[in-house]
Protein backbone atom coordinates (compact mmCIF):
# COMPACT_ATOMS: atom_id res chain seq x y z
CA UNK A 1 26.03 12.55 -26.93
CA UNK A 2 25.97 9.57 -25.00
CA UNK A 3 27.53 8.39 -21.76
CA UNK A 4 31.75 8.15 -22.21
CA UNK A 5 33.67 6.48 -19.91
CA UNK A 6 34.19 8.43 -17.06
CA UNK A 7 30.27 9.06 -17.12
CA UNK A 8 30.10 5.18 -16.89
CA UNK A 9 32.46 5.14 -13.72
CA UNK A 10 30.22 7.11 -11.99
CA UNK A 11 27.61 4.88 -12.22
CA UNK A 12 30.00 2.30 -11.31
CA UNK A 13 31.38 4.14 -8.35
CA UNK A 14 27.97 5.37 -6.79
CA UNK A 15 26.53 1.18 -7.78
CA UNK A 16 29.48 0.43 -5.69
CA UNK A 17 29.49 2.92 -2.62
CA UNK A 18 26.01 2.56 -2.18
CA UNK A 19 26.33 -1.28 -1.71
CA UNK A 20 29.09 -0.90 0.45
CA UNK A 21 27.02 2.07 3.20
CA UNK A 22 24.03 -0.74 2.97
CA UNK A 23 26.47 -2.93 4.34
CA UNK A 24 28.12 -1.02 7.09
CA UNK A 25 24.32 -1.82 8.98
CA UNK A 26 24.98 -5.80 8.75
CA UNK A 27 26.39 -6.41 12.11
CA UNK A 28 23.66 -4.81 13.88
CA UNK A 29 21.00 -7.05 13.07
CA UNK A 30 20.64 -10.22 15.45
CA UNK A 31 17.12 -10.37 16.55
CA UNK A 32 13.80 -10.60 14.65
CA UNK A 33 12.75 -7.19 15.34
CA UNK A 34 16.09 -5.98 14.56
CA UNK A 35 16.27 -7.29 11.09
CA UNK A 36 12.80 -6.65 10.27
CA UNK A 37 11.64 -3.46 12.20
CA UNK A 38 15.31 -1.47 13.17
CA UNK A 39 14.67 -1.94 16.63
CA UNK A 40 12.67 0.33 16.25
CA UNK A 41 14.89 3.01 16.63
CA UNK A 42 14.70 4.54 13.17
CA UNK A 43 13.29 8.95 13.75
CA UNK A 44 10.55 9.77 11.79
CA UNK A 45 12.13 12.10 9.09
CA UNK A 46 14.40 8.81 7.75
CA UNK A 47 10.92 6.79 7.96
CA UNK A 48 9.11 9.33 5.63
CA UNK A 49 12.34 9.68 3.68
CA UNK A 50 12.48 6.06 3.64
CA UNK A 51 8.36 5.69 3.33
CA UNK A 52 8.62 8.17 -0.22
CA UNK A 53 11.81 5.76 -1.69
CA UNK A 54 10.19 2.81 -1.16
CA UNK A 55 7.08 3.72 -3.05
CA UNK A 56 8.94 5.52 -5.71
CA UNK A 57 10.74 3.11 -8.18
CA UNK A 58 12.28 3.53 -11.46
CA UNK A 59 8.35 3.51 -12.99
CA UNK A 60 7.91 6.77 -11.12
CA UNK A 61 11.32 8.33 -12.33
CA UNK A 62 10.53 7.38 -16.41
CA UNK A 63 6.61 7.08 -16.21
CA UNK A 64 5.82 10.12 -14.92
CA UNK A 65 7.58 12.63 -17.06
CA UNK A 66 5.99 10.35 -20.48
CA UNK A 67 2.77 11.47 -18.87
CA UNK A 68 3.32 14.76 -18.91
CA UNK A 69 4.76 14.69 -22.09
CA UNK A 70 1.90 12.36 -23.88
CA UNK A 71 -1.24 14.26 -21.83
CA UNK A 72 -0.81 16.53 -18.71
CA UNK A 73 -1.01 16.59 -14.77
CA UNK A 74 -4.47 15.11 -14.36
CA UNK A 75 -2.19 12.48 -12.56
CA UNK A 76 -2.20 14.88 -9.94
CA UNK A 77 -5.85 14.40 -9.08
CA UNK A 78 -4.85 10.57 -8.18
CA UNK A 79 -2.08 12.19 -5.59
CA UNK A 80 -4.61 14.23 -4.00
CA UNK A 81 -6.08 11.30 -2.98
CA UNK A 82 -2.74 9.97 -1.84
CA UNK A 83 -2.83 12.61 0.67
CA UNK A 84 -6.06 11.68 1.86
CA UNK A 85 -5.53 8.23 2.11
CA UNK A 86 -2.35 8.82 4.18
CA UNK A 87 -4.25 10.84 7.13
CA UNK A 88 -7.06 7.77 6.74
CA UNK A 89 -4.31 5.48 7.85
CA UNK A 90 -3.03 7.20 10.56
CA UNK A 91 -5.84 7.53 12.39
CA UNK A 92 -7.38 4.07 11.97
CA UNK A 93 -4.97 1.65 11.24
CA UNK A 94 -1.58 3.02 12.70
CA UNK A 95 -3.29 2.60 16.49
CA UNK A 96 -3.85 -0.58 15.91
CA UNK A 97 -0.63 -1.86 14.47
CA UNK A 98 0.72 -0.52 17.95
CA UNK A 99 -1.31 -2.68 20.50
CA UNK A 100 1.28 -5.48 20.43
CA UNK A 101 4.49 -6.80 19.47
CA UNK A 102 3.91 -6.87 15.52
CA UNK A 103 6.23 -7.12 12.50
CA UNK A 104 3.60 -8.27 9.40
CA UNK A 105 0.24 -6.12 8.97
CA UNK A 106 -1.16 -10.17 8.96
CA UNK A 107 -0.50 -10.74 12.87
CA UNK A 108 -3.02 -7.73 13.30
CA UNK A 109 -5.82 -10.78 11.13
CA UNK A 110 -5.00 -13.13 12.88
CA UNK A 111 -5.73 -11.61 16.36
CA UNK A 112 -8.79 -10.40 14.81
CA UNK A 113 -9.71 -13.25 12.62
CA UNK A 114 -7.81 -16.39 13.34
CA UNK A 115 -4.52 -18.10 11.57
CA UNK A 116 -6.86 -18.84 8.28
CA UNK A 117 -7.23 -15.08 7.69
CA UNK A 118 -3.69 -14.08 8.41
CA UNK A 119 -2.32 -17.29 5.58
CA UNK A 120 -5.01 -16.17 3.46
CA UNK A 121 -3.99 -12.21 3.78
CA UNK A 122 -0.54 -12.66 3.90
CA UNK A 123 0.36 -15.03 0.55
CA UNK A 124 -2.27 -12.93 -1.29
CA UNK A 125 0.04 -9.98 -0.58
CA UNK A 126 3.41 -12.65 -1.41
CA UNK A 127 1.90 -13.78 -4.44
CA UNK A 128 0.38 -9.70 -5.74
CA UNK A 129 3.36 -7.87 -4.40
CA UNK A 130 5.92 -10.04 -6.08
CA UNK A 131 4.10 -9.76 -9.26
CA UNK A 132 3.52 -6.19 -9.42
CA UNK A 133 6.72 -5.64 -8.11
CA UNK A 134 8.55 -7.77 -11.30
CA UNK A 135 7.21 -4.78 -13.20
CA UNK A 136 8.86 -2.45 -11.33
CA UNK A 137 12.36 -4.53 -11.76
CA UNK A 138 11.84 -4.84 -15.49
CA UNK A 139 11.86 -0.67 -15.40
CA UNK A 140 15.46 -0.72 -14.60
CA UNK A 141 16.40 -2.42 -18.11
CA UNK A 142 15.11 0.36 -19.77
CA UNK A 143 16.78 2.91 -17.85
CA UNK A 144 20.20 0.78 -18.44
CA UNK A 145 19.15 0.11 -22.07
CA UNK A 146 19.51 3.45 -23.32
CA UNK A 147 22.20 4.47 -20.70
CA UNK A 148 24.37 2.18 -22.28
CA UNK A 149 23.37 2.26 -25.74
CA UNK A 150 26.53 1.04 -27.82
CA UNK A 151 28.36 -0.47 -25.12
CA UNK A 152 25.91 -3.40 -25.59
CA UNK A 153 24.63 -3.60 -28.91
CA UNK A 154 25.57 -6.90 -29.33
CA UNK A 155 23.09 -8.50 -27.39
CA UNK A 156 19.63 -9.29 -28.65
CA UNK A 157 16.92 -7.62 -26.19
CA UNK A 158 16.44 -10.42 -23.83
CA UNK A 159 20.28 -10.51 -23.27
CA UNK A 160 20.04 -6.89 -22.30
CA UNK A 161 17.11 -6.75 -20.06
CA UNK A 162 18.60 -9.88 -18.08
CA UNK A 163 21.77 -8.10 -17.89
CA UNK A 164 20.46 -4.79 -16.38
CA UNK A 165 18.11 -6.34 -14.28
CA UNK A 166 20.72 -9.16 -12.85
CA UNK A 167 23.27 -5.98 -11.77
CA UNK A 168 20.30 -3.72 -9.62
CA UNK A 169 19.05 -7.07 -8.29
CA UNK A 170 22.55 -8.64 -6.89
CA UNK A 171 23.82 -5.44 -5.38
CA UNK A 172 20.59 -4.78 -4.07
CA UNK A 173 20.54 -8.20 -2.86
CA UNK A 174 23.91 -7.81 -0.74
CA UNK A 175 23.18 -4.86 1.65
CA UNK A 176 20.13 -5.59 2.28
CA UNK A 177 20.49 -9.40 3.02
CA UNK A 178 23.19 -8.73 5.24
CA UNK A 179 21.51 -5.54 7.02
CA UNK A 180 18.15 -6.33 6.71
CA UNK A 181 15.56 -3.07 7.51
CA UNK A 182 18.25 -1.01 9.13
CA UNK A 183 20.11 -1.05 6.18
CA UNK A 184 16.95 -0.59 3.56
CA UNK A 185 15.75 2.64 5.66
CA UNK A 186 19.18 4.45 5.68
CA UNK A 187 20.26 3.64 2.34
CA UNK A 188 17.04 5.01 1.28
CA UNK A 189 17.37 8.36 2.58
CA UNK A 190 20.66 8.90 1.48
CA UNK A 191 18.97 7.43 -2.34
CA UNK A 192 15.99 9.43 -2.00
CA UNK A 193 18.47 12.35 -1.70
CA UNK A 194 20.26 11.38 -5.06
CA UNK A 195 17.57 10.92 -7.00
CA UNK A 196 15.78 14.17 -6.03
CA UNK A 197 19.23 16.12 -6.78
CA UNK A 198 19.50 14.68 -9.71
CA UNK A 199 16.25 15.45 -11.12
CA UNK A 200 16.40 19.08 -10.09
CA UNK A 201 19.78 18.93 -12.18
CA UNK A 202 17.44 17.71 -15.31
CA UNK A 203 14.68 20.21 -13.93
CA UNK A 204 17.10 23.54 -14.59
CA UNK A 205 19.50 21.51 -17.78
CA UNK A 206 16.32 22.16 -19.46
CA UNK A 207 15.36 25.33 -18.46
CA UNK A 208 18.66 26.25 -19.73
CA UNK A 209 18.30 24.78 -23.14
CA UNK A 210 14.77 25.96 -23.51
CA UNK A 211 15.69 29.41 -25.62
CA UNK A 212 13.53 31.79 -23.36
CA UNK A 213 14.15 29.36 -20.28
CA UNK A 214 10.82 29.04 -18.06
CA UNK A 215 8.94 31.72 -19.80
CA UNK A 216 8.94 29.83 -23.05
CA UNK A 217 7.82 26.63 -21.22
CA UNK A 218 4.75 27.78 -19.63
CA UNK A 219 3.57 29.77 -23.07
CA UNK A 220 4.06 26.75 -25.37
CA UNK A 221 2.47 24.23 -22.45
CA UNK A 222 -0.24 26.06 -21.77
CA UNK A 223 -0.89 26.52 -25.09
CA UNK A 224 -0.85 22.65 -25.41
CA UNK A 225 -2.80 22.08 -22.60
CA UNK A 226 0.31 20.20 -20.22
CA UNK A 227 -0.89 21.91 -17.27
CA UNK A 228 -4.41 21.02 -17.00
CA UNK A 229 -4.88 19.17 -13.28
CA UNK A 230 -9.01 18.75 -12.83
CA UNK A 231 -10.60 16.92 -14.77
CA UNK A 232 -14.77 16.67 -13.95
CA UNK A 233 -16.20 14.16 -16.00
CA UNK A 234 -17.74 10.74 -14.63
CA UNK A 235 -16.73 7.99 -16.62
CA UNK A 236 -15.35 4.88 -15.22
CA UNK A 237 -13.32 3.82 -17.97
CA UNK A 238 -11.52 7.09 -17.48
CA UNK A 239 -7.74 6.50 -15.44
CA UNK A 240 -7.13 10.22 -14.03
CA UNK A 241 -10.21 12.40 -13.28
CA UNK A 242 -11.69 14.26 -9.86
CA UNK A 243 -13.63 11.80 -9.11
CA UNK A 244 -11.50 8.43 -9.89
CA UNK A 245 -8.23 10.15 -8.44
CA UNK A 246 -9.46 11.29 -4.88
CA UNK A 247 -11.99 8.51 -4.15
CA UNK A 248 -9.76 6.15 -5.59
CA UNK A 249 -6.54 7.84 -4.52
CA UNK A 250 -7.89 7.87 -1.18
CA UNK A 251 -8.84 3.50 -1.12
CA UNK A 252 -5.72 2.62 -3.02
CA UNK A 253 -3.41 4.42 -0.57
CA UNK A 254 -5.03 3.74 2.27
CA UNK A 255 -4.48 -0.33 1.10
CA UNK A 256 -1.17 0.24 -0.19
CA UNK A 257 -0.30 1.89 3.46
CA UNK A 258 -2.54 0.25 5.68
CA UNK A 259 -2.64 -3.32 4.38
CA UNK A 260 0.50 -3.91 2.37
CA UNK A 261 3.64 -5.08 4.50
CA UNK A 262 5.64 -3.14 2.32
CA UNK A 263 4.90 0.10 3.74
CA UNK A 264 3.34 -1.22 7.45
CA UNK A 265 6.96 -2.50 8.11
CA UNK A 266 8.69 1.24 7.81
CA UNK A 267 5.53 2.52 9.81
CA UNK A 268 6.18 -0.15 12.55
CA UNK A 269 9.78 0.62 12.67
CA UNK A 270 9.18 4.14 14.22
CA UNK A 271 10.12 4.93 18.02
CA UNK A 272 6.75 5.73 18.74
CA UNK A 273 2.55 5.67 17.39
CA UNK A 274 3.15 9.24 17.42
CA UNK A 275 6.73 9.25 14.71
CA UNK A 276 4.62 6.64 12.96
CA UNK A 277 2.06 9.07 12.33
CA UNK A 278 3.79 11.97 11.62
CA UNK A 279 6.24 10.23 9.32
CA UNK A 280 3.44 9.15 7.76
CA UNK A 281 1.50 12.20 6.97
CA UNK A 282 4.45 14.40 5.86
CA UNK A 283 5.73 11.41 3.54
CA UNK A 284 2.34 12.18 1.65
CA UNK A 285 3.15 16.26 0.99
CA UNK A 286 6.85 14.69 -0.70
CA UNK A 287 4.95 12.75 -2.89
CA UNK A 288 2.94 15.84 -3.57
CA UNK A 289 5.67 17.38 -4.18
CA UNK A 290 7.50 15.32 -6.15
CA UNK A 291 5.07 14.50 -8.67
CA UNK A 292 4.57 18.12 -9.22
CA UNK A 293 8.53 18.23 -10.25
CA UNK A 294 8.37 14.73 -12.43
CA UNK A 295 5.27 16.07 -14.07
CA UNK A 296 6.91 19.21 -14.93
CA UNK A 297 9.96 17.86 -15.99
CA UNK A 298 7.59 15.73 -18.63
CA UNK A 299 5.83 19.03 -19.71
CA UNK A 300 9.32 20.80 -19.87
CA UNK A 301 10.50 18.23 -22.43
CA UNK A 302 7.25 18.44 -24.27
CA UNK A 303 8.08 21.64 -24.92
CA UNK A 304 11.96 20.64 -25.60
CA UNK A 305 11.38 18.28 -28.53
CA UNK A 306 8.63 20.90 -30.04
CA UNK A 307 11.32 22.62 -30.83
CA UNK A 308 13.48 20.46 -31.75
CA UNK A 309 12.26 17.67 -33.58
CA UNK A 310 13.93 14.47 -33.08
CA UNK A 311 14.12 13.16 -36.34
CA UNK A 312 11.86 9.76 -35.35
CA UNK A 313 8.93 9.67 -32.95
CA UNK A 314 9.97 7.59 -29.70
CA UNK A 315 9.08 4.09 -29.28
CA UNK A 316 7.33 4.12 -25.66
CA UNK A 317 6.96 7.07 -23.76
CA UNK A 318 8.45 5.57 -21.08
CA UNK A 319 11.77 6.08 -22.08
CA UNK A 320 11.94 9.62 -22.96
CA UNK A 321 13.40 11.22 -19.90
CA UNK A 322 16.08 8.52 -19.85
CA UNK A 323 16.70 8.84 -23.94
CA UNK A 324 17.01 13.12 -23.02
CA UNK A 325 19.28 12.63 -20.19
CA UNK A 326 21.80 9.97 -22.16
CA UNK A 327 21.43 12.39 -25.23
CA UNK A 328 21.38 16.49 -24.23
CA UNK A 329 22.83 16.17 -20.63
CA UNK A 330 26.31 17.36 -20.38
CA UNK A 331 29.09 14.60 -19.07
CA UNK A 332 28.96 13.94 -15.77
CA UNK A 333 25.48 15.55 -15.46
CA UNK A 334 23.99 12.78 -17.43
CA UNK A 335 25.65 9.65 -15.06
CA UNK A 336 24.60 11.49 -12.26
CA UNK A 337 21.05 11.72 -13.25
CA UNK A 338 21.25 8.03 -14.50
CA UNK A 339 22.66 6.84 -10.83
CA UNK A 340 19.58 8.64 -9.47
CA UNK A 341 17.27 6.81 -11.59
CA UNK A 342 18.91 3.43 -10.72
CA UNK A 343 18.95 4.83 -6.56
CA UNK A 344 14.96 4.47 -6.92
CA UNK A 345 14.75 1.41 -8.75
CA UNK A 346 17.49 0.46 -5.69
CA UNK A 347 15.08 1.74 -2.88
CA UNK A 348 12.04 0.18 -4.26
CA UNK A 349 13.61 -3.11 -4.30
CA UNK A 350 15.03 -3.25 -1.36
CA UNK A 351 12.00 -2.56 0.06
CA UNK A 352 9.81 -5.24 -1.79
CA UNK A 353 12.40 -7.61 -0.18
CA UNK A 354 12.15 -6.84 2.75
CA UNK A 355 8.39 -6.97 3.13
CA UNK A 356 8.36 -10.43 1.34
CA UNK A 357 10.96 -11.65 3.33
CA UNK A 358 9.56 -10.45 6.62
CA UNK A 359 6.15 -12.32 5.57
CA UNK A 360 7.09 -15.46 4.25
CA UNK A 361 9.20 -15.89 7.97
CA UNK A 362 6.22 -14.29 10.30
CA UNK A 363 3.58 -15.84 8.67
CA UNK A 364 4.48 -18.57 7.20
CA UNK A 365 7.75 -19.61 9.21
CA UNK A 366 7.16 -19.39 12.14
CA UNK A 367 3.49 -20.66 12.62
CA UNK A 368 4.71 -24.16 11.57
CA UNK A 369 8.09 -23.64 13.31
CA UNK A 370 7.17 -21.79 16.61
CA UNK A 371 9.87 -23.44 18.62
CA UNK A 372 12.83 -22.35 16.41
CA UNK A 373 15.75 -19.92 17.66
CA UNK A 374 16.02 -16.49 16.83
CA UNK A 375 19.13 -17.37 15.10
CA UNK A 376 17.19 -19.71 12.52
CA UNK A 377 14.80 -17.06 12.04
CA UNK A 378 17.32 -14.81 11.17
CA UNK A 379 19.63 -16.79 8.96
CA UNK A 380 16.40 -17.77 7.00
CA UNK A 381 15.38 -14.36 6.71
CA UNK A 382 18.55 -13.64 4.71
CA UNK A 383 18.16 -16.87 2.76
CA UNK A 384 14.22 -15.42 1.98
CA UNK A 385 15.57 -12.37 0.93
CA UNK A 386 17.90 -13.70 -1.52
CA UNK A 387 14.61 -16.38 -2.75
CA UNK A 388 12.49 -13.20 -3.16
CA UNK A 389 15.60 -11.66 -5.49
CA UNK A 390 15.61 -14.60 -7.64
CA UNK A 391 12.23 -14.88 -8.11
CA UNK A 392 11.54 -11.09 -9.10
CA UNK A 393 14.20 -11.47 -11.34
CA UNK A 394 11.97 -14.26 -13.09
CA UNK A 395 8.92 -11.99 -13.03
CA UNK A 396 10.80 -8.89 -14.57
CA UNK A 397 11.70 -10.75 -17.73
CA UNK A 398 8.06 -12.08 -17.96
CA UNK A 399 6.89 -8.03 -17.94
CA UNK A 400 9.06 -7.07 -20.97
CA UNK A 401 6.15 -7.33 -22.95
CA UNK A 402 3.41 -5.12 -21.00
CA UNK A 403 2.40 -1.55 -21.81
CA UNK A 404 3.15 1.55 -19.40
CA UNK A 405 4.89 -0.23 -16.86
CA UNK A 406 3.69 2.14 -14.14
CA UNK A 407 -0.20 1.55 -14.90
CA UNK A 408 0.94 -1.74 -15.26
CA UNK A 409 2.23 -2.03 -11.70
CA UNK A 410 -0.40 -0.49 -10.48
CA UNK A 411 -3.03 -2.66 -12.35
CA UNK A 412 -2.13 -5.63 -10.60
CA UNK A 413 -1.38 -4.14 -7.02
CA UNK A 414 -5.10 -2.41 -7.33
CA UNK A 415 -6.30 -6.00 -7.68
CA UNK A 416 -5.32 -7.38 -4.76
CA UNK A 417 -5.27 -3.84 -2.16
CA UNK A 418 -9.21 -4.22 -2.80
CA UNK A 419 -9.72 -7.01 -0.71
CA UNK A 420 -7.33 -6.50 1.46
CA UNK A 421 -8.65 -3.36 2.90
CA UNK A 422 -12.23 -4.46 2.73
CA UNK A 423 -10.87 -7.67 4.79
CA UNK A 424 -9.10 -5.37 6.76
CA UNK A 425 -11.88 -2.83 7.69
CA UNK A 426 -13.68 -5.69 8.41
CA UNK A 427 -11.28 -6.36 11.39
CA UNK A 428 -11.02 -2.69 12.41
CA UNK A 429 -14.82 -1.22 11.98
CA UNK A 430 -16.68 -4.33 13.15
CA UNK A 431 -17.05 -6.51 15.89
CA UNK A 432 -19.29 -9.12 14.40
CA UNK A 433 -17.52 -10.32 11.17
CA UNK A 434 -16.59 -13.74 11.38
CA UNK A 435 -13.18 -15.42 9.64
CA UNK A 436 -15.15 -16.87 7.24
CA UNK A 437 -17.66 -14.36 6.49
CA UNK A 438 -14.43 -12.09 5.59
CA UNK A 439 -12.92 -15.02 3.58
CA UNK A 440 -16.16 -15.27 1.84
CA UNK A 441 -15.87 -11.48 1.39
CA UNK A 442 -12.13 -11.61 0.27
CA UNK A 443 -12.46 -14.43 -2.64
CA UNK A 444 -15.86 -12.09 -3.61
CA UNK A 445 -13.57 -8.97 -4.02
CA UNK A 446 -10.85 -10.12 -5.42
CA UNK A 447 -12.57 -11.82 -8.12
CA UNK A 448 -14.29 -9.35 -9.23
CA UNK A 449 -11.11 -7.02 -9.34
CA UNK A 450 -9.72 -9.77 -12.04
CA UNK A 451 -13.24 -9.43 -13.70
CA UNK A 452 -12.95 -6.18 -13.85
CA UNK A 453 -9.10 -6.05 -15.22
CA UNK A 454 -9.61 -8.42 -17.88
CA UNK A 455 -12.84 -8.57 -18.76
CA UNK A 456 -14.13 -4.86 -18.59
CA UNK A 457 -12.80 -1.17 -19.85
CA UNK A 458 -13.03 0.61 -15.95
CA UNK A 459 -10.34 2.49 -15.29
CA UNK A 460 -7.82 0.74 -12.54
CA UNK A 461 -8.29 3.61 -9.95
CA UNK A 462 -11.32 1.82 -8.97
CA UNK A 463 -10.32 -1.93 -8.69
CA UNK A 464 -9.79 -0.77 -5.01
CA UNK A 465 -13.05 1.01 -4.37
CA UNK A 466 -15.14 -1.29 -5.61
CA UNK A 467 -12.74 -4.35 -4.33
CA UNK A 468 -12.90 -3.41 -0.99
CA UNK A 469 -16.80 -2.35 -1.24
CA UNK A 470 -17.68 -5.63 -2.46
CA UNK A 471 -15.33 -7.05 0.09
CA UNK A 472 -16.75 -5.59 3.20
CA UNK A 473 -20.15 -5.82 1.79
CA UNK A 474 -19.77 -9.10 1.16
CA UNK A 475 -18.34 -10.51 4.13
CA UNK A 476 -20.54 -8.26 6.35
CA UNK A 477 -23.61 -10.63 5.59
CA UNK A 478 -21.43 -13.96 5.03
CA UNK A 479 -20.59 -13.12 8.84
CA UNK A 480 -23.66 -12.98 9.57
CA UNK A 481 -24.85 -16.20 8.22
CA UNK A 482 -21.33 -17.46 9.58
CA UNK A 483 -20.88 -16.33 12.95
CA UNK A 484 -17.56 -15.59 14.89
CA UNK A 485 -15.99 -19.14 15.79
CA UNK A 486 -13.05 -17.86 16.68
CA UNK A 487 -10.72 -14.49 17.23
CA UNK A 488 -11.95 -11.35 19.04
CA UNK A 489 -13.66 -8.29 17.96
CA UNK A 490 -12.19 -4.76 18.20
CA UNK A 491 -13.27 -4.02 21.86
CA UNK A 492 -12.41 -7.30 23.39
CA UNK A 493 -9.07 -7.25 21.39
CA UNK A 494 -8.06 -4.10 23.23
CA UNK A 495 -9.04 -5.50 26.92
CA UNK A 496 -6.59 -8.41 26.16
CA UNK A 497 -3.25 -5.99 25.07
């Protein structure tokens, strides 16, 4: 069926509307804390929705249905680990972040170890977050390419991808540049609502198109094993098993929500420590429900295309859901769903730009120019947003030749998360770990994860577990040989705050 001019008008109206909504907050950001932490005025429920939106990129919306279409529901084993990891972060890391006036996660590393450790952890975050985000931004082009179809048939693949990525990046930069974290969080709330509502519309539309409705879906999908969740086998090369899911998912979430500025920045925007903890735990429940919905849609699409086969097979699983939206959804409904998928992309990109900008300014610029004025820092923060947006656009174009976008993005992030989590655990759980020892541990943990990624068949779900264990053990042993010469331990730190 394809999208008509009215559908494209709906998508354009949505993109324009959400950009203008974000610009509504531009006059409120006069200080660095106001720009990056929204002045710590955001209620817990908005932060919870923003966390879900920030970690739910276009990768999730298009790749998760493709997983269920190709395989089954075993991805949910990883999501169980996500829930456990959030509980650990709530009671181990969040109390540390609320002791003092922190803006980034890596200020905690300086307070515990020293400036070099802060620079190393912040630098590792910048490099790996930018690389992983490039893959996520590229996912936008998959959706736009399918949605616009004949309208961009005169362009080659590179030109289509460039136009799609540039459009969404530019619109996101406009409101992120002006409104900072306040604009990012409240637009996240709006966009989270839109893409969940849009996905529910898709759910009921598919259900209506399948003869026999849910009974047929359940029967056919069950016979094909699509609803299988648990896999108790033990293979390090298997990505989604009970062990790699629960253990790997727990460690991955402790790292991503406890050491990654993208999420920590939102947690620090809460009105209190308690509200931050409640927001994080509630976001875990929402993520579980959301992933279950996306997987169910994938199983339903499997049944639909089993009953109504296509003339040609899909070239990649990531295109299954957007292709169905464009070709089988009623007009207006299809447009709203495409807008919903773009909403997920803009939410995630806004979160990434804020976190990259805050780390750049707070952890690097302010270290070398401590006497700069607050006005100058806010100006440079906006410039950093624009600079990182340009770099992400370039990285997204390089990501065009990767595999399934969700797993590529998670693999890149997991390589760094192991070293980061190990370093944070050394700082939070030990009193004798030294800066030099922790740095040695980080380098070893990061090197191990690079080896696992490029030279072995070990699944990415184990990277954080192995990398953090190596970082912690080697860092602790090295600290015994190279005792602390600066920084303070947790007990002394609490006395000083």
